Every structure is written in C-alpha cells, then in structure tokens.
Amino acid sequence: MRTLARGASTPVVSIPHSMAVSIASSTPSRAQRRSARRSWSR
C-alpha cells in the first residue's frame, strides 16, 4: 500500500483523507485486474 501511495503522481498529504481512502481502496482492485489480465493473456 505504501509503495502504491508513493507511486501516485499526487502526494497523499495534499489529497483529503476521504479522497485518499477512496483512491487507496480503488488502487488494489486495479492492480488485481491488471495481474488477472496478464495471467489470462498468458
């Protein structure tokens, strides 16, 4: 989670807590979808 937050182009401090939470919750799902797509393509 920390690595993902660091990768974000916008700093977490500047983003409101609620926004940061929503982004953090949406990030893992996106990563899982990407990994799933890669495995499927293989």
PDB file of N, CA and C in Angstrom:
ATOM      1  N   MET A   1       0.862  -1.198   0.000  1.00  0.00           N
ATOM      2  CA  MET A   1       0.000   0.000   0.000  1.00  0.00           C
ATOM      3  C   MET A   1       0.901   1.252   0.000  1.00  0.00           C
ATOM      4  N   ARG A   2       1.953   1.212   0.803  1.00  0.00           N
ATOM      5  CA  ARG A   2       2.838   2.394   0.864  1.00  0.00           C
ATOM      6  C   ARG A   2       3.491   2.624  -0.495  1.00  0.00           C
ATOM      7  N   THR A   3       3.944   1.560  -1.117  1.00  0.00           N
ATOM      8  CA  THR A   3       4.595   1.713  -2.430  1.00  0.00           C
ATOM      9  C   THR A   3       3.603   2.305  -3.431  1.00  0.00           C
ATOM     10  N   LEU A   4       2.349   1.842  -3.407  1.00  0.00           N
ATOM     11  CA  LEU A   4       1.329   2.358  -4.341  1.00  0.00           C
ATOM     12  C   LEU A   4       1.130   3.847  -4.088  1.00  0.00           C
ATOM     13  N   ALA A   5       1.045   4.231  -2.799  1.00  0.00           N
ATOM     14  CA  ALA A   5       0.822   5.647  -2.474  1.00  0.00           C
ATOM     15  C   ALA A   5       1.990   6.471  -3.005  1.00  0.00           C
ATOM     16  N   ARG A   6       3.201   5.932  -2.867  1.00  0.00           N
ATOM     17  CA  ARG A   6       4.379   6.669  -3.350  1.00  0.00           C
ATOM     18  C   ARG A   6       4.308   6.808  -4.868  1.00  0.00           C
ATOM     19  N   GLY A   7       3.857   5.757  -5.531  1.00  0.00           N
ATOM     20  CA  GLY A   7       3.774   5.790  -6.987  1.00  0.00           C
ATOM     21  C   GLY A   7       2.775   6.829  -7.472  1.00  0.00           C
ATOM     22  N   ALA A   8       1.786   7.133  -6.645  1.00  0.00           N
ATOM     23  CA  ALA A   8       0.768   8.122  -7.068  1.00  0.00           C
ATOM     24  C   ALA A   8       1.462   9.423  -7.470  1.00  0.00           C
ATOM     25  N   SER A   9       0.994  10.012  -8.559  1.00  0.00           N
ATOM     26  CA  SER A   9       1.621  11.258  -9.031  1.00  0.00           C
ATOM     27  C   SER A   9       1.355  12.389  -8.040  1.00  0.00           C
ATOM     28  N   THR A  10       0.181  12.380  -7.382  1.00  0.00           N
ATOM     29  CA  THR A  10      -0.153  13.443  -6.434  1.00  0.00           C
ATOM     30  C   THR A  10       0.133  13.002  -5.003  1.00  0.00           C
ATOM     31  N   PRO A  11       0.765  13.847  -4.212  1.00  0.00           N
ATOM     32  CA  PRO A  11       1.067  13.498  -2.820  1.00  0.00           C
ATOM     33  C   PRO A  11      -0.198  13.242  -2.009  1.00  0.00           C
ATOM     34  N   VAL A  12      -0.117  12.261  -1.111  1.00  0.00           N
ATOM     35  CA  VAL A  12      -1.295  11.921  -0.306  1.00  0.00           C
ATOM     36  C   VAL A  12      -1.642  13.069   0.640  1.00  0.00           C
ATOM     37  N   VAL A  13      -0.632  13.819   1.064  1.00  0.00           N
ATOM     38  CA  VAL A  13      -0.872  14.897   2.038  1.00  0.00           C
ATOM     39  C   VAL A  13      -1.799  15.954   1.439  1.00  0.00           C
ATOM     40  N   SER A  14      -1.610  16.256   0.160  1.00  0.00           N
ATOM     41  CA  SER A  14      -2.422  17.310  -0.464  1.00  0.00           C
ATOM     42  C   SER A  14      -3.861  16.839  -0.670  1.00  0.00           C
ATOM     43  N   ILE A  15      -4.058  15.529  -0.817  1.00  0.00           N
ATOM     44  CA  ILE A  15      -5.407  14.997  -1.052  1.00  0.00           C
ATOM     45  C   ILE A  15      -6.144  14.820   0.280  1.00  0.00           C
ATOM     46  N   PRO A  16      -7.417  15.169   0.357  1.00  0.00           N
ATOM     47  CA  PRO A  16      -8.205  14.980   1.581  1.00  0.00           C
ATOM     48  C   PRO A  16      -8.182  13.514   2.025  1.00  0.00           C
ATOM     49  N   HIS A  17      -8.436  13.283   3.302  1.00  0.00           N
ATOM     50  CA  HIS A  17      -8.396  11.912   3.830  1.00  0.00           C
ATOM     51  C   HIS A  17      -9.414  11.030   3.099  1.00  0.00           C
ATOM     52  N   SER A  18     -10.628  11.528   2.947  1.00  0.00           N
ATOM     53  CA  SER A  18     -11.678  10.724   2.298  1.00  0.00           C
ATOM     54  C   SER A  18     -11.247  10.354   0.876  1.00  0.00           C
ATOM     55  N   MET A  19     -10.692  11.316   0.156  1.00  0.00           N
ATOM     56  CA  MET A  19     -10.244  11.039  -1.222  1.00  0.00           C
ATOM     57  C   MET A  19      -9.125  10.007  -1.202  1.00  0.00           C
ATOM     58  N   ALA A  20      -8.161  10.188  -0.291  1.00  0.00           N
ATOM     59  CA  ALA A  20      -7.036   9.252  -0.194  1.00  0.00           C
ATOM     60  C   ALA A  20      -7.561   7.848   0.069  1.00  0.00           C
ATOM     61  N   VAL A  21      -8.547   7.730   0.959  1.00  0.00           N
ATOM     62  CA  VAL A  21      -9.107   6.409   1.288  1.00  0.00           C
ATOM     63  C   VAL A  21      -9.750   5.791   0.047  1.00  0.00           C
ATOM     64  N   SER A  22     -10.536   6.579  -0.671  1.00  0.00           N
ATOM     65  CA  SER A  22     -11.218   6.057  -1.869  1.00  0.00           C
ATOM     66  C   SER A  22     -10.187   5.624  -2.904  1.00  0.00           C
ATOM     67  N   ILE A  23      -9.139   6.420  -3.087  1.00  0.00           N
ATOM     68  CA  ILE A  23      -8.102   6.071  -4.073  1.00  0.00           C
ATOM     69  C   ILE A  23      -7.382   4.801  -3.627  1.00  0.00           C
ATOM     70  N   ALA A  24      -7.033   4.744  -2.346  1.00  0.00           N
ATOM     71  CA  ALA A  24      -6.310   3.570  -1.836  1.00  0.00           C
ATOM     72  C   ALA A  24      -7.158   2.310  -2.023  1.00  0.00           C
ATOM     73  N   SER A  25      -8.454   2.415  -1.769  1.00  0.00           N
ATOM     74  CA  SER A  25      -9.330   1.241  -1.888  1.00  0.00           C
ATOM     75  C   SER A  25      -9.477   0.851  -3.358  1.00  0.00           C
ATOM     76  N   SER A  26      -9.415   1.827  -4.257  1.00  0.00           N
ATOM     77  CA  SER A  26      -9.597   1.531  -5.687  1.00  0.00           C
ATOM     78  C   SER A  26      -8.282   1.059  -6.313  1.00  0.00           C
ATOM     79  N   THR A  27      -7.147   1.400  -5.705  1.00  0.00           N
ATOM     80  CA  THR A  27      -5.855   1.019  -6.290  1.00  0.00           C
ATOM     81  C   THR A  27      -5.662  -0.502  -6.305  1.00  0.00           C
ATOM     82  N   PRO A  28      -5.836  -1.194  -5.153  1.00  0.00           N
ATOM     83  CA  PRO A  28      -5.617  -2.645  -5.134  1.00  0.00           C
ATOM     84  C   PRO A  28      -6.490  -3.366  -6.165  1.00  0.00           C
ATOM     85  N   SER A  29      -7.734  -2.952  -6.282  1.00  0.00           N
ATOM     86  CA  SER A  29      -8.637  -3.620  -7.230  1.00  0.00           C
ATOM     87  C   SER A  29      -8.067  -3.475  -8.643  1.00  0.00           C
ATOM     88  N   ARG A  30      -7.560  -2.302  -8.958  1.00  0.00           N
ATOM     89  CA  ARG A  30      -6.996  -2.070 -10.298  1.00  0.00           C
ATOM     90  C   ARG A  30      -5.778  -2.965 -10.502  1.00  0.00           C
ATOM     91  N   ALA A  31      -4.918  -3.025  -9.502  1.00  0.00           N
ATOM     92  CA  ALA A  31      -3.713  -3.855  -9.606  1.00  0.00           C
ATOM     93  C   ALA A  31      -4.109  -5.314  -9.820  1.00  0.00           C
ATOM     94  N   GLN A  32      -5.119  -5.762  -9.069  1.00  0.00           N
ATOM     95  CA  GLN A  32      -5.567  -7.159  -9.215  1.00  0.00           C
ATOM     96  C   GLN A  32      -6.094  -7.388 -10.624  1.00  0.00           C
ATOM     97  N   ARG A  33      -6.846  -6.440 -11.148  1.00  0.00           N
ATOM     98  CA  ARG A  33      -7.401  -6.592 -12.505  1.00  0.00           C
ATOM     99  C   ARG A  33      -6.264  -6.700 -13.513  1.00  0.00           C
ATOM    100  N   ARG A  34      -5.253  -5.867 -13.335  1.00  0.00           N
ATOM    101  CA  ARG A  34      -4.106  -5.897 -14.266  1.00  0.00           C
ATOM    102  C   ARG A  34      -3.423  -7.258 -14.198  1.00  0.00           C
ATOM    103  N   SER A  35      -3.168  -7.725 -12.983  1.00  0.00           N
ATOM    104  CA  SER A  35      -2.496  -9.028 -12.826  1.00  0.00           C
ATOM    105  C   SER A  35      -3.363 -10.128 -13.440  1.00  0.00           C
ATOM    106  N   ALA A  36      -4.680 -10.043 -13.207  1.00  0.00           N
ATOM    107  CA  ALA A  36      -5.594 -11.056 -13.752  1.00  0.00           C
ATOM    108  C   ALA A  36      -5.515 -11.025 -15.280  1.00  0.00           C
ATOM    109  N   ARG A  37      -5.516  -9.850 -15.847  1.00  0.00           N
ATOM    110  CA  ARG A  37      -5.460  -9.732 -17.315  1.00  0.00           C
ATOM    111  C   ARG A  37      -4.169 -10.357 -17.828  1.00  0.00           C
ATOM    112  N   ARG A  38      -3.066 -10.094 -17.137  1.00  0.00           N
ATOM    113  CA  ARG A  38      -1.771 -10.655 -17.571  1.00  0.00           C
ATOM    114  C   ARG A  38      -1.823 -12.177 -17.526  1.00  0.00           C
ATOM    115  N   SER A  39      -2.333 -12.707 -16.424  1.00  0.00           N
ATOM    116  CA  SER A  39      -2.401 -14.171 -16.289  1.00  0.00           C
ATOM    117  C   SER A  39      -3.323 -14.742 -17.362  1.00  0.00           C
ATOM    118  N   TRP A  40      -4.441 -14.064 -17.632  1.00  0.00           N
ATOM    119  CA  TRP A  40      -5.382 -14.549 -18.642  1.00  0.00           C
ATOM    120  C   TRP A  40      -4.722 -14.572 -20.014  1.00  0.00           C
ATOM    121  N   SER A  41      -4.006 -13.478 -20.337  1.00  0.00           N
ATOM    122  CA  SER A  41      -3.373 -13.398 -21.659  1.00  0.00           C
ATOM    123  C   SER A  41      -2.364 -14.538 -21.802  1.00  0.00           C
ATOM    124  N   ARG A  42      -1.675 -14.868 -20.714  1.00  0.00           N
ATOM    125  CA  ARG A  42      -0.684 -15.939 -20.767  1.00  0.00           C
ATOM    126  C   ARG A  42      -1.408 -17.265 -20.935  1.00  0.00           C
TER     127      ARG A  42
END
